[in-house]
Amino acid sequence: GNTTWLKANSPFCIVDNATITSGAVLTIEPGVVLSFSAGRSLTVASGGTLMAVGTATQLITFTSNSNTPNPGDWNGIIFAAG
């Protein structure tokens, strides 16, 4: 179903691969931080929607949850073709 990740509940730690399924909407509020475990990703399935619009003063941050983050720690956001 539809879900909103609120700044008040941030940060969100993604420890398993996550998928936004067809017909579902994930809305991420400005100011939210998402940290991903090594090798994990967020997939937006065909027909799924990711709404993530930050502001100049409240960015949405997608990062590694490693104590020493490095490029490639997590697999990114994948938009599946329909």
C-alpha atoms as a PDB file:
ATOM      1  CA  GLY A   1       0.000   0.000   0.000  1.00  0.00           C
ATOM      2  CA  ASN A   2       0.879   3.650   0.149  1.00  0.00           C
ATOM      3  CA  THR A   3       3.382   4.755   2.783  1.00  0.00           C
ATOM      4  CA  THR A   4       4.916   8.042   3.914  1.00  0.00           C
ATOM      5  CA  TRP A   5       8.298   8.149   5.622  1.00  0.00           C
ATOM      6  CA  LEU A   6       8.251  11.118   7.984  1.00  0.00           C
ATOM      7  CA  LYS A   7      11.172  13.315   9.004  1.00  0.00           C
ATOM      8  CA  ALA A   8      10.107  12.819  12.635  1.00  0.00           C
ATOM      9  CA  ASN A   9      10.863   9.074  12.281  1.00  0.00           C
ATOM     10  CA  SER A  10      14.167   9.555  10.439  1.00  0.00           C
ATOM     11  CA  PRO A  11      16.716   8.105   9.929  1.00  0.00           C
ATOM     12  CA  PHE A  12      15.460   4.970   8.170  1.00  0.00           C
ATOM     13  CA  CYS A  13      17.910   2.072   7.941  1.00  0.00           C
ATOM     14  CA  ILE A  14      17.390  -0.246   4.977  1.00  0.00           C
ATOM     15  CA  VAL A  15      18.815  -3.625   6.057  1.00  0.00           C
ATOM     16  CA  ASP A  16      17.161  -5.771   3.354  1.00  0.00           C
ATOM     17  CA  ASN A  17      16.393  -4.990  -0.264  1.00  0.00           C
ATOM     18  CA  ALA A  18      13.173  -2.978  -0.459  1.00  0.00           C
ATOM     19  CA  THR A  19      10.636  -2.786  -3.292  1.00  0.00           C
ATOM     20  CA  ILE A  20       7.860  -0.337  -4.064  1.00  0.00           C
ATOM     21  CA  THR A  21       5.348  -2.622  -5.728  1.00  0.00           C
ATOM     22  CA  SER A  22       3.067  -1.854  -8.666  1.00  0.00           C
ATOM     23  CA  GLY A  23       0.255   0.454  -7.584  1.00  0.00           C
ATOM     24  CA  ALA A  24       2.023   1.519  -4.365  1.00  0.00           C
ATOM     25  CA  VAL A  25       3.403   4.979  -3.579  1.00  0.00           C
ATOM     26  CA  LEU A  26       6.292   5.674  -1.208  1.00  0.00           C
ATOM     27  CA  THR A  27       6.442   9.347  -0.231  1.00  0.00           C
ATOM     28  CA  ILE A  28       9.584  10.551   1.522  1.00  0.00           C
ATOM     29  CA  GLU A  29       9.350  13.872   3.359  1.00  0.00           C
ATOM     30  CA  PRO A  30      12.008  16.577   3.076  1.00  0.00           C
ATOM     31  CA  GLY A  31      14.725  16.144   5.711  1.00  0.00           C
ATOM     32  CA  VAL A  32      14.564  12.326   5.800  1.00  0.00           C
ATOM     33  CA  VAL A  33      17.803  10.313   5.860  1.00  0.00           C
ATOM     34  CA  LEU A  34      17.844   6.778   4.412  1.00  0.00           C
ATOM     35  CA  SER A  35      20.908   4.679   5.170  1.00  0.00           C
ATOM     36  CA  PHE A  36      21.448   1.386   3.355  1.00  0.00           C
ATOM     37  CA  SER A  37      23.307  -1.702   4.548  1.00  0.00           C
ATOM     38  CA  ALA A  38      26.048  -3.044   2.280  1.00  0.00           C
ATOM     39  CA  GLY A  39      24.758  -4.431  -1.001  1.00  0.00           C
ATOM     40  CA  ARG A  40      21.153  -3.319  -0.426  1.00  0.00           C
ATOM     41  CA  SER A  41      18.910  -1.360  -2.786  1.00  0.00           C
ATOM     42  CA  LEU A  42      15.498   0.211  -3.230  1.00  0.00           C
ATOM     43  CA  THR A  43      13.624  -0.994  -6.320  1.00  0.00           C
ATOM     44  CA  VAL A  44      10.680   0.872  -7.817  1.00  0.00           C
ATOM     45  CA  ALA A  45       8.709  -1.791  -9.698  1.00  0.00           C
ATOM     46  CA  SER A  46       6.886  -0.994 -12.906  1.00  0.00           C
ATOM     47  CA  GLY A  47       3.711   0.826 -11.817  1.00  0.00           C
ATOM     48  CA  GLY A  48       5.195   1.795  -8.428  1.00  0.00           C
ATOM     49  CA  THR A  49       5.866   5.416  -7.477  1.00  0.00           C
ATOM     50  CA  LEU A  50       8.621   7.062  -5.469  1.00  0.00           C
ATOM     51  CA  MET A  51       7.821  10.634  -4.372  1.00  0.00           C
ATOM     52  CA  ALA A  52      10.961  12.171  -2.859  1.00  0.00           C
ATOM     53  CA  VAL A  53      11.170  15.946  -3.129  1.00  0.00           C
ATOM     54  CA  GLY A  54      13.495  17.731  -0.748  1.00  0.00           C
ATOM     55  CA  THR A  55      14.020  21.449  -0.366  1.00  0.00           C
ATOM     56  CA  ALA A  56      17.110  23.674  -0.356  1.00  0.00           C
ATOM     57  CA  THR A  57      17.133  23.591   3.454  1.00  0.00           C
ATOM     58  CA  GLN A  58      15.759  20.062   4.016  1.00  0.00           C
ATOM     59  CA  LEU A  59      17.449  17.615   1.688  1.00  0.00           C
ATOM     60  CA  ILE A  60      16.546  13.943   1.390  1.00  0.00           C
ATOM     61  CA  THR A  61      19.730  11.961   1.936  1.00  0.00           C
ATOM     62  CA  PHE A  62      20.389   8.477   0.560  1.00  0.00           C
ATOM     63  CA  THR A  63      23.602   7.075   2.055  1.00  0.00           C
ATOM     64  CA  SER A  64      25.479   4.070   3.368  1.00  0.00           C
ATOM     65  CA  ASN A  65      24.959   3.027   6.980  1.00  0.00           C
ATOM     66  CA  SER A  66      28.607   1.969   7.230  1.00  0.00           C
ATOM     67  CA  ASN A  67      30.717   3.612   9.949  1.00  0.00           C
ATOM     68  CA  THR A  68      33.143   4.536   7.151  1.00  0.00           C
ATOM     69  CA  PRO A  69      30.942   5.125   4.078  1.00  0.00           C
ATOM     70  CA  ASN A  70      32.492   4.558   0.654  1.00  0.00           C
ATOM     71  CA  PRO A  71      31.107   4.814  -2.873  1.00  0.00           C
ATOM     72  CA  GLY A  72      29.473   1.529  -3.842  1.00  0.00           C
ATOM     73  CA  ASP A  73      28.619   0.438  -0.277  1.00  0.00           C
ATOM     74  CA  TRP A  74      24.965   0.059  -1.276  1.00  0.00           C
ATOM     75  CA  ASN A  75      23.466  -0.775  -4.668  1.00  0.00           C
ATOM     76  CA  GLY A  76      21.319   2.319  -5.245  1.00  0.00           C
ATOM     77  CA  ILE A  77      17.788   2.975  -6.433  1.00  0.00           C
ATOM     78  CA  ILE A  78      16.595   0.788  -9.293  1.00  0.00           C
ATOM     79  CA  PHE A  79      13.689   1.771 -11.532  1.00  0.00           C
ATOM     80  CA  ALA A  80      12.326  -1.380 -13.166  1.00  0.00           C
ATOM     81  CA  ALA A  81      11.220  -1.136 -16.774  1.00  0.00           C
ATOM     82  CA  GLY A  82       7.632  -1.973 -17.525  1.00  0.00           C
END
